[in-house]
Amino acid sequence: MTLDVAAVVVTFNRADKLGRVLDDVLAQERPVDRVVVVDNASTDHTAEVLARYADHPKIEIMVLPENTGGAGGFATGMARAYEQGADVVWIMDDDCYPHPGAVGALLHGHAAAEDRMGMRLPFACSVVQWSNGDICEMNNAEPTWDWAKLLVHGQQNVLVNSCSFVSVLFPRWAITQFGLPLREYFIWFDDQEYTRRLIAAGPGVQVLNSTVTHDLGVNRGVNFGDVNDGNMWKFEYGVRNEASYRWHREDPFAAARFAQRLWQGLAGGNVPWRLRKRLAKKFVEGIRFDPQPTFPRTVL
């Protein structure tokens, strides 16, 4: 059976990188069948870049009237690919450069892992490298306790509980069963919430010979000690979203452990008290914040 593979790229004000992302997606050794580009109301020259692809037979461009964040963009693009009949949806950011065999390796690795495990697996993700070839600290997948279960049988696959939205493949059935990413999250922790939601059906798999490069300025993961006035808005979303997840999807003890980790990070970074107070308010907001999954329309 030949799978219909749709790539989804979400972009906002990264015109200088978007063209390379799209070119790399279109140059895959295992060609994708379509590409859905979601422009989150960019204000730079993204429109000029996308104009070069307007007549490409595989590309559909969706320009949103307002910025819905990564979460809203992926929910929109995944719903569109699903409604077009895609068997699998491969998603990534607008600064992710997939290496030539990335999607082919994901498809092969996912199928091999399912065969060995004797069950359906809800997602497959790539290894994300930084620009110098090191692992990208922002995008490390979270391994399961038995992560090497497939590796010991000669597969280039390891089992994971969650991953980032930088090159991850979702089979159609997983979207049908579990719905779309939470649009209301806007950014940060939307990928963690979604992939953790999906592992109710079984673990995900990271395919070690599927690689992409994430073109970040600095190779550093999320650290609450880095909070400052310039990046505060992102951390506010992150704290609200993770507090919501820990409280509503895990338990109050998990939320308390997150609060402790948050406080220790802020204190360790000597973050100003006025910013700590703002994040404390966002934590409380997260306890009241409980968005629910939405589902794409079924193709008739």
Protein backbone atom coordinates (compact mmCIF):
# COMPACT_ATOMS: atom_id res chain seq x y z
CA MET A 1 0.00 0.00 0.00
CA THR A 2 1.34 3.41 -0.99
CA LEU A 3 0.78 5.98 1.72
CA ASP A 4 -0.39 9.51 1.03
CA VAL A 5 2.10 11.70 2.91
CA ALA A 6 1.31 15.33 3.68
CA ALA A 7 3.91 17.71 5.11
CA VAL A 8 2.74 20.62 7.26
CA VAL A 9 4.99 23.66 7.76
CA VAL A 10 3.92 26.48 10.09
CA THR A 11 5.61 29.85 9.61
CA PHE A 12 5.68 33.27 11.23
CA ASN A 13 8.15 35.98 10.20
CA ARG A 14 10.96 33.66 9.11
CA ALA A 15 11.10 34.54 5.44
CA ASP A 16 14.88 34.15 5.43
CA LYS A 17 14.61 30.46 6.39
CA LEU A 18 11.25 29.36 4.99
CA GLY A 19 12.41 28.90 1.40
CA ARG A 20 15.12 26.46 2.40
CA VAL A 21 12.66 24.50 4.56
CA LEU A 22 10.22 24.13 1.67
CA ASP A 23 12.97 23.25 -0.81
CA ASP A 24 14.28 20.56 1.55
CA VAL A 25 10.79 19.15 2.02
CA LEU A 26 10.22 19.02 -1.74
CA ALA A 27 13.64 17.39 -2.30
CA GLN A 28 12.99 14.36 -0.08
CA GLU A 29 14.21 11.06 -1.48
CA ARG A 30 10.78 9.64 -0.71
CA PRO A 31 8.64 12.43 -2.17
CA VAL A 32 5.80 13.86 -0.14
CA ASP A 33 2.42 13.96 -1.86
CA ARG A 34 1.50 17.45 -0.70
CA VAL A 35 2.69 20.31 1.46
CA VAL A 36 0.40 22.51 3.53
CA VAL A 37 2.04 25.81 4.49
CA VAL A 38 0.31 27.76 7.26
CA ASP A 39 1.34 31.41 7.38
CA ASN A 40 0.46 32.79 10.82
CA ALA A 41 -0.19 36.35 9.57
CA SER A 42 3.49 37.11 9.00
CA THR A 43 4.48 40.78 8.77
CA ASP A 44 7.88 40.40 7.09
CA HIS A 45 8.42 39.43 3.44
CA THR A 46 7.07 35.90 3.88
CA ALA A 47 4.40 36.63 1.26
CA GLU A 48 7.13 37.25 -1.32
CA VAL A 49 8.80 33.95 -0.50
CA LEU A 50 5.51 32.05 -0.68
CA ALA A 51 4.67 33.69 -4.00
CA ARG A 52 7.50 31.65 -5.55
CA TYR A 53 5.60 28.47 -4.62
CA ALA A 54 2.07 29.66 -5.42
CA ASP A 55 1.83 27.60 -8.62
CA HIS A 56 3.61 24.50 -7.31
CA PRO A 57 1.24 21.54 -7.79
CA LYS A 58 2.06 20.02 -4.40
CA ILE A 59 1.87 23.15 -2.26
CA GLU A 60 -1.18 24.70 -0.64
CA ILE A 61 -0.71 28.00 1.16
CA MET A 62 -3.05 28.97 3.99
CA VAL A 63 -2.68 32.57 5.16
CA LEU A 64 -4.38 33.08 8.52
CA PRO A 65 -5.94 36.45 9.40
CA GLU A 66 -4.16 36.52 12.77
CA ASN A 67 -1.23 34.84 14.49
CA THR A 68 -2.51 31.69 16.20
CA GLY A 69 0.90 30.57 17.42
CA GLY A 70 2.56 27.28 16.65
CA ALA A 71 -0.25 25.36 18.35
CA GLY A 72 -2.97 27.01 16.29
CA GLY A 73 -0.95 26.76 13.10
CA PHE A 74 -0.29 23.05 13.49
CA ALA A 75 -3.89 22.34 14.42
CA THR A 76 -5.02 24.20 11.28
CA GLY A 77 -2.50 22.54 8.97
CA MET A 78 -3.00 19.05 10.35
CA ALA A 79 -6.77 19.39 10.03
CA ARG A 80 -6.38 20.49 6.41
CA ALA A 81 -4.06 17.59 5.54
CA TYR A 82 -6.43 15.16 7.27
CA GLU A 83 -9.44 16.52 5.43
CA GLN A 84 -7.56 16.12 2.14
CA GLY A 85 -7.21 12.41 2.90
CA ALA A 86 -3.58 12.14 4.05
CA ASP A 87 -2.59 8.76 5.52
CA VAL A 88 0.24 10.32 7.50
CA VAL A 89 0.99 13.93 8.44
CA TRP A 90 4.60 15.09 8.85
CA ILE A 91 4.94 18.40 10.68
CA MET A 92 7.76 20.86 11.33
CA ASP A 93 8.62 24.47 12.12
CA ASP A 94 9.82 27.07 9.63
CA ASP A 95 13.45 26.75 10.78
CA CYS A 96 13.68 22.97 10.47
CA TYR A 97 15.79 21.67 7.57
CA PRO A 98 15.01 17.99 6.92
CA HIS A 99 17.90 15.95 5.58
CA PRO A 100 17.18 14.17 2.25
CA GLY A 101 16.13 10.82 3.72
CA ALA A 102 14.25 12.18 6.73
CA VAL A 103 10.66 11.32 5.85
CA GLY A 104 11.52 8.04 4.16
CA ALA A 105 13.39 6.90 7.26
CA LEU A 106 10.45 7.95 9.46
CA LEU A 107 8.02 5.92 7.38
CA HIS A 108 10.27 2.86 7.30
CA GLY A 109 11.22 3.08 10.96
CA HIS A 110 7.65 3.54 12.10
CA ALA A 111 6.47 0.53 10.07
CA ALA A 112 9.34 -1.65 11.32
CA ALA A 113 8.69 -0.66 14.92
CA GLU A 114 4.98 -1.45 14.62
CA ASP A 115 5.78 -4.83 13.09
CA ARG A 116 8.21 -5.73 15.88
CA MET A 117 5.94 -4.43 18.64
CA GLY A 118 2.83 -6.03 17.16
CA MET A 119 0.79 -2.88 17.74
CA ARG A 120 0.02 0.53 16.31
CA LEU A 121 2.36 3.33 17.39
CA PRO A 122 0.96 6.88 17.43
CA PHE A 123 3.95 8.91 16.21
CA ALA A 124 7.50 8.79 14.90
CA CYS A 125 10.02 11.60 15.29
CA SER A 126 13.43 12.48 13.90
CA VAL A 127 16.72 13.15 15.67
CA VAL A 128 17.06 16.93 15.78
CA GLN A 129 20.54 18.36 15.34
CA TRP A 130 21.79 21.88 15.86
CA SER A 131 23.63 23.73 13.07
CA ASN A 132 27.03 22.30 14.13
CA GLY A 133 25.76 18.71 14.18
CA ASP A 134 25.34 18.44 17.96
CA ILE A 135 22.04 17.31 19.41
CA CYS A 136 19.59 20.22 19.62
CA GLU A 137 18.97 20.64 23.33
CA MET A 138 15.56 22.23 22.78
CA ASN A 139 14.26 19.15 20.99
CA ASN A 140 15.34 16.05 22.88
CA ALA A 141 12.67 13.36 22.83
CA GLU A 142 11.77 11.83 26.21
CA PRO A 143 12.67 8.10 26.25
CA THR A 144 10.54 5.39 27.83
CA TRP A 145 11.99 3.21 30.60
CA ASP A 146 12.46 0.44 28.01
CA TRP A 147 13.70 2.78 25.29
CA ALA A 148 16.14 0.22 23.80
CA LYS A 149 13.52 -2.49 23.24
CA LEU A 150 13.80 -2.16 19.45
CA LEU A 151 17.46 -1.22 19.37
CA VAL A 152 18.53 -4.60 20.74
CA HIS A 153 16.81 -6.27 17.79
CA GLY A 154 18.90 -4.32 15.28
CA GLN A 155 16.47 -1.49 14.55
CA GLN A 156 17.55 2.14 14.43
CA ASN A 157 14.55 3.01 16.59
CA VAL A 158 14.05 3.85 20.26
CA LEU A 159 10.79 4.19 22.19
CA VAL A 160 9.76 7.63 23.47
CA ASN A 161 6.99 9.20 25.54
CA SER A 162 7.04 12.66 23.96
CA CYS A 163 8.84 14.82 21.44
CA SER A 164 8.87 18.32 19.97
CA PHE A 165 7.07 19.40 16.81
CA VAL A 166 10.36 19.60 14.89
CA SER A 167 9.87 16.75 12.39
CA VAL A 168 7.30 14.33 13.74
CA LEU A 169 5.04 11.98 11.78
CA PHE A 170 1.46 11.18 12.83
CA PRO A 171 -0.58 8.37 11.26
CA ARG A 172 -4.13 9.25 10.33
CA TRP A 173 -5.68 6.94 12.91
CA ALA A 174 -3.95 8.80 15.76
CA ILE A 175 -5.48 12.12 14.66
CA THR A 176 -8.88 10.44 14.27
CA GLN A 177 -8.70 8.97 17.76
CA PHE A 178 -7.03 11.77 19.71
CA GLY A 179 -7.80 14.93 17.78
CA LEU A 180 -5.57 17.93 17.13
CA PRO A 181 -3.05 19.94 19.19
CA LEU A 182 -4.65 22.38 21.62
CA ARG A 183 -4.96 25.68 19.74
CA GLU A 184 -5.45 27.53 23.01
CA TYR A 185 -1.88 26.76 24.12
CA PHE A 186 -0.61 29.15 21.40
CA ILE A 187 3.07 28.23 21.95
CA TRP A 188 5.17 26.11 24.30
CA PHE A 189 4.24 22.74 25.73
CA ASP A 190 1.69 22.15 22.97
CA ASP A 191 3.98 19.48 21.52
CA GLN A 192 4.49 17.83 24.90
CA GLU A 193 0.77 17.81 25.68
CA TYR A 194 -0.12 16.38 22.28
CA THR A 195 2.44 13.58 22.09
CA ARG A 196 1.79 12.64 25.73
CA ARG A 197 -1.92 12.51 24.90
CA LEU A 198 -1.23 10.09 22.07
CA ILE A 199 0.81 7.59 24.11
CA ALA A 200 -2.43 6.41 25.70
CA ALA A 201 -2.41 4.13 22.62
CA GLY A 202 1.23 3.07 22.98
CA PRO A 203 4.71 4.60 22.88
CA GLY A 204 6.06 6.79 20.15
CA VAL A 205 9.26 5.96 18.31
CA GLN A 206 12.32 8.05 17.53
CA VAL A 207 13.95 6.97 14.28
CA LEU A 208 17.68 7.42 14.71
CA ASN A 209 18.53 7.54 11.00
CA SER A 210 15.94 10.25 10.31
CA THR A 211 17.70 13.56 10.92
CA VAL A 212 16.88 17.25 10.63
CA THR A 213 18.69 20.46 11.51
CA HIS A 214 16.99 23.04 13.73
CA ASP A 215 18.37 26.47 12.85
CA LEU A 216 18.31 28.09 16.29
CA GLY A 217 20.58 30.99 17.21
CA VAL A 218 21.70 29.35 20.47
CA ASN A 219 21.75 25.66 21.34
CA ARG A 220 20.03 25.74 24.71
CA GLY A 221 16.94 24.12 26.14
CA VAL A 222 14.19 25.80 28.14
CA ASN A 223 15.66 27.12 31.40
CA PHE A 224 13.64 29.24 33.81
CA GLY A 225 16.83 30.96 34.89
CA ASP A 226 16.94 32.60 31.44
CA VAL A 227 13.72 34.60 31.96
CA ASN A 228 14.06 38.30 31.10
CA ASP A 229 11.85 41.12 29.86
CA GLY A 230 12.45 40.21 26.22
CA ASN A 231 11.43 36.54 26.41
CA MET A 232 8.95 36.81 29.28
CA TRP A 233 5.93 36.46 27.00
CA LYS A 234 7.03 32.99 25.90
CA PHE A 235 7.65 31.80 29.43
CA GLU A 236 4.22 33.07 30.45
CA TYR A 237 2.61 30.77 27.90
CA GLY A 238 4.90 27.94 28.89
CA VAL A 239 4.17 28.20 32.61
CA ARG A 240 0.42 28.50 32.09
CA ASN A 241 0.32 25.55 29.70
CA GLU A 242 2.48 23.20 31.72
CA ALA A 243 0.67 24.05 34.97
CA SER A 244 -2.61 23.24 33.21
CA TYR A 245 -1.26 19.95 31.92
CA ARG A 246 0.25 18.85 35.23
CA TRP A 247 -2.91 19.71 37.18
CA HIS A 248 -5.60 18.49 34.79
CA ARG A 249 -3.87 15.61 32.97
CA GLU A 250 -1.68 14.29 35.79
CA ASP A 251 -2.47 15.29 39.39
CA PRO A 252 -1.95 18.10 41.93
CA PHE A 253 1.29 16.52 43.11
CA ALA A 254 2.72 16.77 39.60
CA ALA A 255 1.66 20.42 39.50
CA ALA A 256 3.38 21.00 42.85
CA ARG A 257 6.59 19.41 41.57
CA PHE A 258 6.44 21.68 38.53
CA ALA A 259 5.94 24.70 40.80
CA GLN A 260 9.04 23.69 42.77
CA ARG A 261 11.10 23.26 39.61
CA LEU A 262 9.89 26.62 38.33
CA TRP A 263 10.79 28.39 41.59
CA GLN A 264 14.23 26.78 41.77
CA GLY A 265 15.00 27.80 38.19
CA LEU A 266 13.92 31.39 38.72
CA ALA A 267 15.86 31.65 41.97
CA GLY A 268 18.94 30.02 40.49
CA GLY A 269 18.94 32.54 37.65
CA ASN A 270 18.39 35.50 39.97
CA VAL A 271 15.35 36.45 37.90
CA PRO A 272 13.87 39.79 39.13
CA TRP A 273 11.02 39.46 41.62
CA ARG A 274 8.59 41.39 39.42
CA LEU A 275 9.01 38.72 36.72
CA ARG A 276 8.74 35.88 39.23
CA LYS A 277 5.42 37.31 40.41
CA ARG A 278 4.10 37.45 36.86
CA LEU A 279 4.97 33.81 36.32
CA ALA A 280 3.38 32.87 39.64
CA LYS A 281 0.15 34.44 38.37
CA LYS A 282 0.46 32.43 35.17
CA PHE A 283 0.87 29.24 37.20
CA VAL A 284 -2.38 30.01 39.04
CA GLU A 285 -4.05 30.84 35.72
CA GLY A 286 -2.98 27.41 34.45
CA ILE A 287 -4.88 25.67 37.23
CA ARG A 288 -8.08 27.27 35.88
CA PHE A 289 -7.11 26.77 32.22
CA ASP A 290 -8.34 23.48 30.75
CA PRO A 291 -8.87 23.51 26.97
CA GLN A 292 -10.22 20.35 25.37
CA PRO A 293 -9.17 18.63 22.11
CA THR A 294 -10.93 19.36 18.84
CA PHE A 295 -11.18 16.97 15.91
CA PRO A 296 -10.88 17.46 12.14
CA ARG A 297 -13.83 16.91 9.87
CA THR A 298 -14.26 13.39 8.61
CA VAL A 299 -13.70 12.98 4.88
CA LEU A 300 -16.88 11.63 3.27
